[in-house]
PDB file of N, CA and C in Angstrom:
ATOM      1  N   UNK A   1       0.552  70.223  98.598  1.00  0.00           N
ATOM      2  CA  UNK A   1       1.125  71.331  99.450  1.00  0.00           C
ATOM      3  C   UNK A   1       2.365  70.986 100.369  1.00  0.00           C
ATOM      4  N   UNK A   2       2.103  69.587 100.619  1.00  0.00           N
ATOM      5  CA  UNK A   2       3.178  69.072 101.422  1.00  0.00           C
ATOM      6  C   UNK A   2       4.770  68.838 100.831  1.00  0.00           C
ATOM      7  N   UNK A   3       4.620  68.332 100.010  1.00  0.00           N
ATOM      8  CA  UNK A   3       5.411  67.888  98.639  1.00  0.00           C
ATOM      9  C   UNK A   3       6.240  69.151  98.405  1.00  0.00           C
ATOM     10  N   UNK A   4       5.414  70.582  97.952  1.00  0.00           N
ATOM     11  CA  UNK A   4       6.108  71.422  97.658  1.00  0.00           C
ATOM     12  C   UNK A   4       6.695  72.540  98.623  1.00  0.00           C
ATOM     13  N   UNK A   5       6.028  72.275  99.803  1.00  0.00           N
ATOM     14  CA  UNK A   5       6.866  72.710 100.765  1.00  0.00           C
ATOM     15  C   UNK A   5       7.945  71.955 101.338  1.00  0.00           C
ATOM     16  N   UNK A   6       7.957  70.565 101.269  1.00  0.00           N
ATOM     17  CA  UNK A   6       9.522  69.890 101.508  1.00  0.00           C
ATOM     18  C   UNK A   6      10.468  70.406 100.694  1.00  0.00           C
ATOM     19  N   UNK A   7      10.117  70.336  99.438  1.00  0.00           N
ATOM     20  CA  UNK A   7      10.600  70.798  98.375  1.00  0.00           C
ATOM     21  C   UNK A   7      11.499  72.192  98.444  1.00  0.00           C
ATOM     22  N   UNK A   8      10.675  73.258  98.859  1.00  0.00           N
ATOM     23  CA  UNK A   8      11.356  74.220  98.936  1.00  0.00           C
ATOM     24  C   UNK A   8      12.210  74.543 100.448  1.00  0.00           C
ATOM     25  N   UNK A   9      12.366  73.907 100.849  1.00  0.00           N
ATOM     26  CA  UNK A   9      12.442  73.554 102.461  1.00  0.00           C
ATOM     27  C   UNK A   9      13.840  72.650 101.778  1.00  0.00           C
ATOM     28  N   UNK A  10      14.034  71.973 101.249  1.00  0.00           N
ATOM     29  CA  UNK A  10      15.290  70.902 101.053  1.00  0.00           C
ATOM     30  C   UNK A  10      15.966  72.125  99.631  1.00  0.00           C
ATOM     31  N   UNK A  11      15.142  72.575  99.273  1.00  0.00           N
ATOM     32  CA  UNK A  11      16.375  73.915  98.097  1.00  0.00           C
ATOM     33  C   UNK A  11      16.892  74.612  99.435  1.00  0.00           C
ATOM     34  N   UNK A  12      16.286  75.146  99.979  1.00  0.00           N
ATOM     35  CA  UNK A  12      17.020  76.003 101.214  1.00  0.00           C
ATOM     36  C   UNK A  12      18.042  75.460 101.724  1.00  0.00           C
ATOM     37  N   UNK A  13      17.936  74.008 102.135  1.00  0.00           N
ATOM     38  CA  UNK A  13      19.036  73.652 102.639  1.00  0.00           C
ATOM     39  C   UNK A  13      20.081  73.355 102.000  1.00  0.00           C
ATOM     40  N   UNK A  14      20.155  73.442 100.626  1.00  0.00           N
ATOM     41  CA  UNK A  14      20.558  73.069  99.674  1.00  0.00           C
ATOM     42  C   UNK A  14      21.810  74.600  99.425  1.00  0.00           C
ATOM     43  N   UNK A  15      21.019  75.635  99.376  1.00  0.00           N
ATOM     44  CA  UNK A  15      21.587  76.825  99.240  1.00  0.00           C
ATOM     45  C   UNK A  15      22.615  77.305 100.513  1.00  0.00           C
ATOM     46  N   UNK A  16      21.828  76.791 101.831  1.00  0.00           N
ATOM     47  CA  UNK A  16      22.623  77.078 102.968  1.00  0.00           C
ATOM     48  C   UNK A  16      23.651  76.590 103.200  1.00  0.00           C
ATOM     49  N   UNK A  17      23.887  75.416 102.721  1.00  0.00           N
ATOM     50  CA  UNK A  17      25.193  74.755 102.439  1.00  0.00           C
ATOM     51  C   UNK A  17      26.057  75.124 101.414  1.00  0.00           C
ATOM     52  N   UNK A  18      25.476  75.851 100.745  1.00  0.00           N
ATOM     53  CA  UNK A  18      26.681  75.872  99.483  1.00  0.00           C
ATOM     54  C   UNK A  18      27.960  76.701 100.061  1.00  0.00           C
ATOM     55  N   UNK A  19      28.869  76.572  99.095  1.00  0.00           N
ATOM     56  CA  UNK A  19      30.136  76.985  99.980  1.00  0.00           C
ATOM     57  C   UNK A  19      30.231  78.484  99.904  1.00  0.00           C
ATOM     58  N   UNK A  20      29.133  79.253  99.022  1.00  0.00           N
ATOM     59  CA  UNK A  20      29.875  80.487  98.754  1.00  0.00           C
ATOM     60  C   UNK A  20      28.867  81.079  99.908  1.00  0.00           C
ATOM     61  N   UNK A  21      27.608  80.672 100.194  1.00  0.00           N
ATOM     62  CA  UNK A  21      26.546  80.704 101.633  1.00  0.00           C
ATOM     63  C   UNK A  21      27.861  80.820 103.078  1.00  0.00           C
ATOM     64  N   UNK A  22      28.289  79.648 102.575  1.00  0.00           N
ATOM     65  CA  UNK A  22      28.987  79.383 104.069  1.00  0.00           C
ATOM     66  C   UNK A  22      30.219  80.642 104.032  1.00  0.00           C
ATOM     67  N   UNK A  23      30.938  81.289 103.132  1.00  0.00           N
ATOM     68  CA  UNK A  23      31.944  81.920 102.994  1.00  0.00           C
ATOM     69  C   UNK A  23      30.923  83.560 103.075  1.00  0.00           C
ATOM     70  N   UNK A  24      30.129  83.580 102.650  1.00  0.00           N
ATOM     71  CA  UNK A  24      29.155  84.878 102.905  1.00  0.00           C
ATOM     72  C   UNK A  24      29.234  84.795 104.462  1.00  0.00           C
ATOM     73  N   UNK A  25      28.154  83.645 104.921  1.00  0.00           N
ATOM     74  CA  UNK A  25      27.735  84.088 106.355  1.00  0.00           C
ATOM     75  C   UNK A  25      29.139  83.768 107.193  1.00  0.00           C
ATOM     76  N   UNK A  26      30.310  83.507 107.018  1.00  0.00           N
ATOM     77  CA  UNK A  26      31.511  83.459 107.901  1.00  0.00           C
ATOM     78  C   UNK A  26      31.735  82.103 108.162  1.00  0.00           C
ATOM     79  N   UNK A  27      30.949  80.986 108.087  1.00  0.00           N
ATOM     80  CA  UNK A  27      31.128  79.778 108.708  1.00  0.00           C
ATOM     81  C   UNK A  27      31.933  78.735 108.158  1.00  0.00           C
ATOM     82  N   UNK A  28      32.442  78.080 109.120  1.00  0.00           N
ATOM     83  CA  UNK A  28      33.195  77.672 108.260  1.00  0.00           C
ATOM     84  C   UNK A  28      34.995  78.131 108.535  1.00  0.00           C
ATOM     85  N   UNK A  29      34.842  79.032 108.637  1.00  0.00           N
ATOM     86  CA  UNK A  29      36.227  80.159 108.624  1.00  0.00           C
ATOM     87  C   UNK A  29      37.808  79.178 108.216  1.00  0.00           C
ATOM     88  N   UNK A  30      38.078  78.558 106.850  1.00  0.00           N
ATOM     89  CA  UNK A  30      39.067  77.572 106.832  1.00  0.00           C
ATOM     90  C   UNK A  30      40.190  78.895 106.410  1.00  0.00           C
ATOM     91  N   UNK A  31      41.159  78.336 106.583  1.00  0.00           N
ATOM     92  CA  UNK A  31      42.411  78.644 105.860  1.00  0.00           C
ATOM     93  C   UNK A  31      42.968  78.117 105.061  1.00  0.00           C
ATOM     94  N   UNK A  32      43.264  78.940 103.688  1.00  0.00           N
ATOM     95  CA  UNK A  32      43.743  78.158 102.501  1.00  0.00           C
ATOM     96  C   UNK A  32      45.091  78.543 102.780  1.00  0.00           C
ATOM     97  N   UNK A  33      45.729  77.263 102.638  1.00  0.00           N
ATOM     98  CA  UNK A  33      47.144  77.179 102.488  1.00  0.00           C
ATOM     99  C   UNK A  33      47.521  77.001 101.344  1.00  0.00           C
ATOM    100  N   UNK A  34      48.667  77.787 100.929  1.00  0.00           N
ATOM    101  CA  UNK A  34      49.462  78.087  99.532  1.00  0.00           C
ATOM    102  C   UNK A  34      50.393  76.648  99.446  1.00  0.00           C
ATOM    103  N   UNK A  35      50.346  76.373  98.452  1.00  0.00           N
ATOM    104  CA  UNK A  35      51.846  75.403  98.240  1.00  0.00           C
ATOM    105  C   UNK A  35      53.008  75.881  98.140  1.00  0.00           C
ATOM    106  N   UNK A  36      53.967  75.409  98.846  1.00  0.00           N
ATOM    107  CA  UNK A  36      55.463  76.139  99.057  1.00  0.00           C
ATOM    108  C   UNK A  36      56.179  76.092  97.901  1.00  0.00           C
ATOM    109  N   UNK A  37      56.448  77.754  97.530  1.00  0.00           N
ATOM    110  CA  UNK A  37      57.100  77.389  96.013  1.00  0.00           C
ATOM    111  C   UNK A  37      58.517  76.580  95.701  1.00  0.00           C
ATOM    112  N   UNK A  38      58.685  76.139  94.590  1.00  0.00           N
ATOM    113  CA  UNK A  38      59.869  75.379  94.252  1.00  0.00           C
ATOM    114  C   UNK A  38      60.810  75.833  94.632  1.00  0.00           C
ATOM    115  N   UNK A  39      62.138  75.104  94.540  1.00  0.00           N
ATOM    116  CA  UNK A  39      63.640  75.859  95.687  1.00  0.00           C
ATOM    117  C   UNK A  39      64.111  76.451  94.345  1.00  0.00           C
ATOM    118  N   UNK A  40      64.656  77.435  94.708  1.00  0.00           N
ATOM    119  CA  UNK A  40      65.500  78.606  93.501  1.00  0.00           C
ATOM    120  C   UNK A  40      64.447  79.582  92.967  1.00  0.00           C
ATOM    121  N   UNK A  41      63.127  79.274  93.346  1.00  0.00           N
ATOM    122  CA  UNK A  41      62.189  80.230  92.531  1.00  0.00           C
ATOM    123  C   UNK A  41      61.980  81.704  92.738  1.00  0.00           C
ATOM    124  N   UNK A  42      62.758  82.182  94.305  1.00  0.00           N
ATOM    125  CA  UNK A  42      62.991  83.185  94.830  1.00  0.00           C
ATOM    126  C   UNK A  42      64.007  83.855  94.167  1.00  0.00           C
ATOM    127  N   UNK A  43      65.045  83.455  93.966  1.00  0.00           N
ATOM    128  CA  UNK A  43      66.265  83.342  93.585  1.00  0.00           C
ATOM    129  C   UNK A  43      65.948  83.822  92.134  1.00  0.00           C
ATOM    130  N   UNK A  44      65.258  83.147  91.196  1.00  0.00           N
ATOM    131  CA  UNK A  44      65.194  83.021  89.912  1.00  0.00           C
ATOM    132  C   UNK A  44      64.539  84.257  89.867  1.00  0.00           C
ATOM    133  N   UNK A  45      63.429  84.564  90.684  1.00  0.00           N
ATOM    134  CA  UNK A  45      62.525  85.950  90.465  1.00  0.00           C
ATOM    135  C   UNK A  45      63.363  87.513  90.652  1.00  0.00           C
ATOM    136  N   UNK A  46      64.304  87.135  91.845  1.00  0.00           N
ATOM    137  CA  UNK A  46      65.252  88.276  92.261  1.00  0.00           C
ATOM    138  C   UNK A  46      66.255  88.556  90.947  1.00  0.00           C
ATOM    139  N   UNK A  47      66.558  87.382  90.777  1.00  0.00           N
ATOM    140  CA  UNK A  47      67.538  87.586  89.451  1.00  0.00           C
ATOM    141  C   UNK A  47      67.048  88.727  88.162  1.00  0.00           C
ATOM    142  N   UNK A  48      65.517  87.836  87.936  1.00  0.00           N
ATOM    143  CA  UNK A  48      64.912  88.539  86.794  1.00  0.00           C
ATOM    144  C   UNK A  48      64.744  89.663  87.062  1.00  0.00           C
ATOM    145  N   UNK A  49      64.509  89.936  88.224  1.00  0.00           N
ATOM    146  CA  UNK A  49      63.681  91.687  88.591  1.00  0.00           C
ATOM    147  C   UNK A  49      65.539  92.453  88.296  1.00  0.00           C
ATOM    148  N   UNK A  50      66.475  92.203  89.076  1.00  0.00           N
ATOM    149  CA  UNK A  50      67.641  92.874  88.838  1.00  0.00           C
ATOM    150  C   UNK A  50      68.184  92.989  87.507  1.00  0.00           C
ATOM    151  N   UNK A  51      68.025  92.079  86.586  1.00  0.00           N
ATOM    152  CA  UNK A  51      68.255  92.094  85.102  1.00  0.00           C
ATOM    153  C   UNK A  51      66.964  93.142  84.336  1.00  0.00           C
ATOM    154  N   UNK A  52      66.090  93.327  84.867  1.00  0.00           N
ATOM    155  CA  UNK A  52      64.896  94.014  84.142  1.00  0.00           C
ATOM    156  C   UNK A  52      65.427  95.602  84.614  1.00  0.00           C
ATOM    157  N   UNK A  53      65.551  95.856  85.681  1.00  0.00           N
ATOM    158  CA  UNK A  53      65.909  96.875  86.318  1.00  0.00           C
ATOM    159  C   UNK A  53      67.629  97.719  85.636  1.00  0.00           C
ATOM    160  N   UNK A  54      68.373  96.375  85.446  1.00  0.00           N
ATOM    161  CA  UNK A  54      69.472  97.138  84.793  1.00  0.00           C
ATOM    162  C   UNK A  54      69.500  97.617  83.235  1.00  0.00           C
ATOM    163  N   UNK A  55      68.016  96.551  82.855  1.00  0.00           N
ATOM    164  CA  UNK A  55      68.059  97.174  81.406  1.00  0.00           C
ATOM    165  C   UNK A  55      67.536  98.391  81.068  1.00  0.00           C
ATOM    166  N   UNK A  56      66.301  98.551  81.967  1.00  0.00           N
ATOM    167  CA  UNK A  56      65.678  99.916  82.080  1.00  0.00           C
ATOM    168  C   UNK A  56      66.566 101.097  82.324  1.00  0.00           C
ATOM    169  N   UNK A  57      67.358 101.149  83.305  1.00  0.00           N
ATOM    170  CA  UNK A  57      68.726 102.046  83.682  1.00  0.00           C
ATOM    171  C   UNK A  57      69.332 102.286  82.423  1.00  0.00           C
ATOM    172  N   UNK A  58      69.915 101.352  81.615  1.00  0.00           N
ATOM    173  CA  UNK A  58      70.833 101.233  80.484  1.00  0.00           C
ATOM    174  C   UNK A  58      69.978 102.207  79.673  1.00  0.00           C
ATOM    175  N   UNK A  59      68.978 101.445  79.468  1.00  0.00           N
ATOM    176  CA  UNK A  59      67.918 102.403  78.333  1.00  0.00           C
ATOM    177  C   UNK A  59      67.800 103.809  78.447  1.00  0.00           C
ATOM    178  N   UNK A  60      67.499 104.006  80.103  1.00  0.00           N
ATOM    179  CA  UNK A  60      67.355 105.774  80.128  1.00  0.00           C
ATOM    180  C   UNK A  60      68.240 106.484  79.806  1.00  0.00           C
ATOM    181  N   UNK A  61      70.202 105.787  80.302  1.00  0.00           N
ATOM    182  CA  UNK A  61      70.968 106.066  79.956  1.00  0.00           C
ATOM    183  C   UNK A  61      71.506 106.761  78.429  1.00  0.00           C
ATOM    184  N   UNK A  62      71.473 105.509  77.628  1.00  0.00           N
ATOM    185  CA  UNK A  62      71.408 105.522  76.459  1.00  0.00           C
ATOM    186  C   UNK A  62      70.284 106.753  76.034  1.00  0.00           C
ATOM    187  N   UNK A  63      69.364 106.978  76.116  1.00  0.00           N
ATOM    188  CA  UNK A  63      68.187 107.872  75.769  1.00  0.00           C
ATOM    189  C   UNK A  63      68.968 109.114  76.252  1.00  0.00           C
ATOM    190  N   UNK A  64      69.201 109.407  77.317  1.00  0.00           N
ATOM    191  CA  UNK A  64      69.825 110.734  77.405  1.00  0.00           C
ATOM    192  C   UNK A  64      70.907 111.135  76.541  1.00  0.00           C
ATOM    193  N   UNK A  65      71.802 110.107  76.778  1.00  0.00           N
ATOM    194  CA  UNK A  65      73.389 110.563  75.506  1.00  0.00           C
ATOM    195  C   UNK A  65      72.848 110.950  74.183  1.00  0.00           C
ATOM    196  N   UNK A  66      71.684 110.109  73.503  1.00  0.00           N
ATOM    197  CA  UNK A  66      71.448 110.658  72.724  1.00  0.00           C
ATOM    198  C   UNK A  66      70.450 111.873  72.403  1.00  0.00           C
ATOM    199  N   UNK A  67      69.950 112.227  73.428  1.00  0.00           N
ATOM    200  CA  UNK A  67      68.994 113.487  73.409  1.00  0.00           C
ATOM    201  C   UNK A  67      69.972 114.865  73.674  1.00  0.00           C
ATOM    202  N   UNK A  68      71.282 114.123  74.710  1.00  0.00           N
ATOM    203  CA  UNK A  68      71.994 115.583  74.829  1.00  0.00           C
ATOM    204  C   UNK A  68      73.090 115.563  73.417  1.00  0.00           C
ATOM    205  N   UNK A  69      73.572 114.486  72.557  1.00  0.00           N
ATOM    206  CA  UNK A  69      73.901 114.857  71.474  1.00  0.00           C
ATOM    207  C   UNK A  69      73.386 115.459  70.606  1.00  0.00           C
ATOM    208  N   UNK A  70      72.023 115.231  70.462  1.00  0.00           N
ATOM    209  CA  UNK A  70      71.042 116.012  68.989  1.00  0.00           C
ATOM    210  C   UNK A  70      71.195 117.399  69.597  1.00  0.00           C
ATOM    211  N   UNK A  71      70.701 117.853  70.956  1.00  0.00           N
ATOM    212  CA  UNK A  71      70.899 118.940  71.177  1.00  0.00           C
ATOM    213  C   UNK A  71      71.870 119.843  71.559  1.00  0.00           C
ATOM    214  N   UNK A  72      72.775 119.486  71.457  1.00  0.00           N
ATOM    215  CA  UNK A  72      74.689 119.850  71.300  1.00  0.00           C
ATOM    216  C   UNK A  72      74.724 120.097  70.124  1.00  0.00           C
ATOM    217  N   UNK A  73      74.268 119.442  69.286  1.00  0.00           N
ATOM    218  CA  UNK A  73      74.365 119.635  67.871  1.00  0.00           C
ATOM    219  C   UNK A  73      75.929 118.821  67.542  1.00  0.00           C
ATOM    220  N   UNK A  74      76.189 117.560  68.290  1.00  0.00           N
ATOM    221  CA  UNK A  74      77.218 116.583  68.161  1.00  0.00           C
ATOM    222  C   UNK A  74      78.537 116.966  68.744  1.00  0.00           C
ATOM    223  N   UNK A  75      78.779 118.069  69.234  1.00  0.00           N
ATOM    224  CA  UNK A  75      79.831 117.997  70.006  1.00  0.00           C
ATOM    225  C   UNK A  75      80.268 117.208  71.242  1.00  0.00           C
ATOM    226  N   UNK A  76      81.492 116.983  71.521  1.00  0.00           N
ATOM    227  CA  UNK A  76      81.687 116.070  72.730  1.00  0.00           C
ATOM    228  C   UNK A  76      81.304 116.268  74.108  1.00  0.00           C
ATOM    229  N   UNK A  77      81.458 117.464  74.300  1.00  0.00           N
ATOM    230  CA  UNK A  77      81.491 118.256  75.521  1.00  0.00           C
ATOM    231  C   UNK A  77      79.950 118.847  75.532  1.00  0.00           C
ATOM    232  N   UNK A  78      79.245 119.023  77.032  1.00  0.00           N
ATOM    233  CA  UNK A  78      78.164 119.338  76.651  1.00  0.00           C
ATOM    234  C   UNK A  78      78.093 120.849  77.648  1.00  0.00           C
ATOM    235  N   UNK A  79      77.228 121.713  77.257  1.00  0.00           N
ATOM    236  CA  UNK A  79      76.623 122.652  78.086  1.00  0.00           C
ATOM    237  C   UNK A  79      76.892 122.033  79.902  1.00  0.00           C
ATOM    238  N   UNK A  80      77.225 123.127  80.757  1.00  0.00           N
ATOM    239  CA  UNK A  80      76.522 122.815  82.075  1.00  0.00           C
ATOM    240  C   UNK A  80      74.975 122.669  82.324  1.00  0.00           C
ATOM    241  N   UNK A  81      74.450 123.482  81.330  1.00  0.00           N
ATOM    242  CA  UNK A  81      72.526 123.304  81.349  1.00  0.00           C
ATOM    243  C   UNK A  81      72.624 122.017  81.024  1.00  0.00           C
ATOM    244  N   UNK A  82      72.718 121.513  80.109  1.00  0.00           N
ATOM    245  CA  UNK A  82      72.493 120.469  79.629  1.00  0.00           C
ATOM    246  C   UNK A  82      73.168 118.982  80.691  1.00  0.00           C
ATOM    247  N   UNK A  83      74.020 119.461  81.390  1.00  0.00           N
ATOM    248  CA  UNK A  83      74.044 118.292  82.447  1.00  0.00           C
ATOM    249  C   UNK A  83      73.728 118.541  83.444  1.00  0.00           C
ATOM    250  N   UNK A  84      72.926 119.379  83.844  1.00  0.00           N
ATOM    251  CA  UNK A  84      72.144 119.509  84.800  1.00  0.00           C
ATOM    252  C   UNK A  84      70.767 119.174  84.814  1.00  0.00           C
ATOM    253  N   UNK A  85      70.139 120.046  83.194  1.00  0.00           N
ATOM    254  CA  UNK A  85      68.831 119.721  82.804  1.00  0.00           C
ATOM    255  C   UNK A  85      68.950 117.802  82.718  1.00  0.00           C
ATOM    256  N   UNK A  86      69.193 117.441  81.903  1.00  0.00           N
ATOM    257  CA  UNK A  86      68.936 116.151  81.209  1.00  0.00           C
ATOM    258  C   UNK A  86      69.837 115.044  82.702  1.00  0.00           C
ATOM    259  N   UNK A  87      70.792 115.548  83.413  1.00  0.00           N
ATOM    260  CA  UNK A  87      71.476 114.865  84.381  1.00  0.00           C
ATOM    261  C   UNK A  87      72.281 114.212  84.039  1.00  0.00           C
ATOM    262  N   UNK A  88      73.217 114.262  82.757  1.00  0.00           N
ATOM    263  CA  UNK A  88      74.012 113.136  82.523  1.00  0.00           C
ATOM    264  C   UNK A  88      75.312 114.160  81.427  1.00  0.00           C
ATOM    265  N   UNK A  89      76.471 113.996  82.179  1.00  0.00           N
ATOM    266  CA  UNK A  89      77.398 114.668  81.467  1.00  0.00           C
ATOM    267  C   UNK A  89      78.226 113.741  80.283  1.00  0.00           C
TER     268      UNK A  89
END
């Protein structure tokens, strides 16, 4: 009986000191320090975002031009309605 009780108390001690239990209970309030990014990563990501945005804007502008050309029947100059509705002249 005593060994079972001791075993249970040992198991309870293991569970109580596990990292998950400590995190849930709020014990240890450890701060996680992220490693510093490699030099140039911010500039690389900024450039990548700028290139992606440039591509998307150019893609949208080309799409509007194609739609205007199809709707106007191939005329070089679009009506005022198309300029306002599609946002491109």
